[in-house]
Amino acid sequence: MDTLSEDKGRMGLPVLLLALALFAAATPAQAGCLRMQIRAEGMKIHFLNRPVEEKARQSAILAWENMAAKKAGAAYAQWRNAKGRKMQCRLVSRSETLCTAAATPCDGK
């Protein structure tokens, strides 16, 4: 009887690990993502157009969504659904800020 309960215990761990792997593979963030990264640059925002960096970020997100819609389709064009989102902002002159958005498009399902 001890041998049987030991066998059940040994079998339980692989089954548990398999179940966890299947659950992780089916998470929404991974399930509907494409195998591409889209990178888009927003418009230059002048320092008088306050808040400068926030508006530059919004411009980059809009540019990314437009690019994603063109390259991947409307279902993949939502920044909030994208995986691995990165935003880089920099001064391009004394008075202008420019942001670039990059991410993997996902459909959010």
Protein backbone atom coordinates (compact mmCIF):
# COMPACT_ATOMS: atom_id res chain seq x y z
CA MET A 1 0.00 0.00 0.00
CA ASP A 2 2.90 2.35 0.68
CA THR A 3 4.22 1.75 -2.84
CA LEU A 4 0.89 2.72 -4.39
CA SER A 5 0.66 5.99 -2.46
CA GLU A 6 4.28 6.82 -3.38
CA ASP A 7 3.44 6.26 -7.06
CA LYS A 8 0.43 8.56 -6.79
CA GLY A 9 2.60 11.20 -5.15
CA ARG A 10 5.22 10.99 -7.92
CA MET A 11 2.57 11.21 -10.62
CA GLY A 12 0.93 14.23 -9.02
CA LEU A 13 3.88 16.56 -9.50
CA PRO A 14 4.25 16.05 -13.29
CA VAL A 15 0.50 16.44 -13.73
CA LEU A 16 0.56 19.64 -11.71
CA LEU A 17 3.50 21.00 -13.71
CA LEU A 18 1.75 20.15 -16.99
CA ALA A 19 -1.42 21.89 -15.84
CA LEU A 20 0.55 25.01 -14.87
CA ALA A 21 2.35 25.03 -18.23
CA LEU A 22 -0.93 24.77 -20.14
CA PHE A 23 -2.48 27.52 -18.05
CA ALA A 24 0.51 29.82 -18.60
CA ALA A 25 0.49 29.16 -22.36
CA ALA A 26 -3.17 30.13 -22.59
CA THR A 27 -3.01 33.46 -20.76
CA PRO A 28 -4.67 36.31 -22.69
CA ALA A 29 -1.48 38.39 -22.87
CA GLN A 30 0.22 35.66 -24.92
CA ALA A 31 -2.64 34.02 -26.77
CA GLY A 32 -3.48 36.80 -29.25
CA CYS A 33 -0.07 38.38 -29.82
CA LEU A 34 1.72 38.56 -33.13
CA ARG A 35 5.37 37.74 -33.70
CA MET A 36 6.41 41.24 -34.67
CA GLN A 37 7.35 44.45 -32.98
CA ILE A 38 5.99 47.75 -34.18
CA ARG A 39 7.89 50.96 -33.59
CA ALA A 40 6.42 54.40 -34.27
CA GLU A 41 7.56 57.94 -33.70
CA GLY A 42 5.13 60.64 -32.61
CA MET A 43 5.12 64.29 -33.60
CA LYS A 44 7.59 66.77 -32.16
CA ILE A 45 5.88 68.69 -29.36
CA HIS A 46 6.93 72.29 -28.71
CA PHE A 47 7.60 73.34 -25.12
CA LEU A 48 4.76 75.90 -25.19
CA ASN A 49 2.32 73.04 -25.77
CA ARG A 50 2.11 71.94 -22.12
CA PRO A 51 2.35 69.32 -20.62
CA VAL A 52 5.04 68.60 -23.21
CA GLU A 53 6.09 65.03 -22.40
CA GLU A 54 2.53 63.82 -21.82
CA LYS A 55 1.46 65.17 -25.21
CA ALA A 56 4.56 63.72 -26.87
CA ARG A 57 3.74 60.31 -25.35
CA GLN A 58 0.12 60.54 -26.53
CA SER A 59 1.35 61.39 -30.02
CA ALA A 60 3.67 58.37 -30.06
CA ILE A 61 0.88 56.06 -28.88
CA LEU A 62 -1.45 57.36 -31.59
CA ALA A 63 1.30 56.86 -34.19
CA TRP A 64 1.88 53.30 -32.89
CA GLU A 65 -1.83 52.48 -33.06
CA ASN A 66 -2.06 53.80 -36.62
CA MET A 67 1.00 51.79 -37.67
CA ALA A 68 -0.34 48.65 -35.95
CA ALA A 69 -3.67 49.02 -37.75
CA LYS A 70 -1.86 49.27 -41.12
CA LYS A 71 0.55 46.40 -40.50
CA ALA A 72 -1.52 44.01 -38.38
CA GLY A 73 -5.16 45.08 -38.66
CA ALA A 74 -7.59 46.98 -36.46
CA ALA A 75 -7.93 44.11 -33.95
CA TYR A 76 -4.24 44.56 -32.99
CA ALA A 77 -4.17 48.35 -32.92
CA GLN A 78 -4.78 49.01 -29.20
CA TRP A 79 -1.73 50.19 -27.24
CA ARG A 80 -3.29 49.00 -23.96
CA ASN A 81 -3.38 45.41 -25.30
CA ALA A 82 0.20 45.44 -26.59
CA LYS A 83 2.90 43.31 -24.97
CA GLY A 84 6.36 44.60 -24.01
CA ARG A 85 5.41 48.27 -24.32
CA LYS A 86 8.34 50.67 -24.35
CA MET A 87 8.34 54.43 -24.61
CA GLN A 88 11.41 56.57 -25.19
CA CYS A 89 11.24 60.36 -25.10
CA ARG A 90 14.01 62.81 -25.84
CA LEU A 91 14.66 66.45 -26.52
CA VAL A 92 15.28 66.94 -30.23
CA SER A 93 15.97 70.64 -29.92
CA ARG A 94 15.94 73.22 -27.15
CA SER A 95 12.20 73.53 -27.45
CA GLU A 96 10.88 70.21 -28.79
CA THR A 97 10.30 66.75 -27.33
CA LEU A 98 9.81 63.60 -29.39
CA CYS A 99 8.67 60.18 -28.16
CA THR A 100 8.90 56.76 -29.80
CA ALA A 101 6.61 53.87 -28.88
CA ALA A 102 7.49 50.21 -29.48
CA ALA A 103 5.53 47.04 -28.64
CA THR A 104 4.23 43.69 -29.85
CA PRO A 105 0.62 43.97 -31.05
CA CYS A 106 -1.96 41.78 -29.30
CA ASP A 107 -5.70 41.50 -29.90
CA GLY A 108 -6.63 41.52 -26.21
CA LYS A 109 -8.51 38.21 -26.33
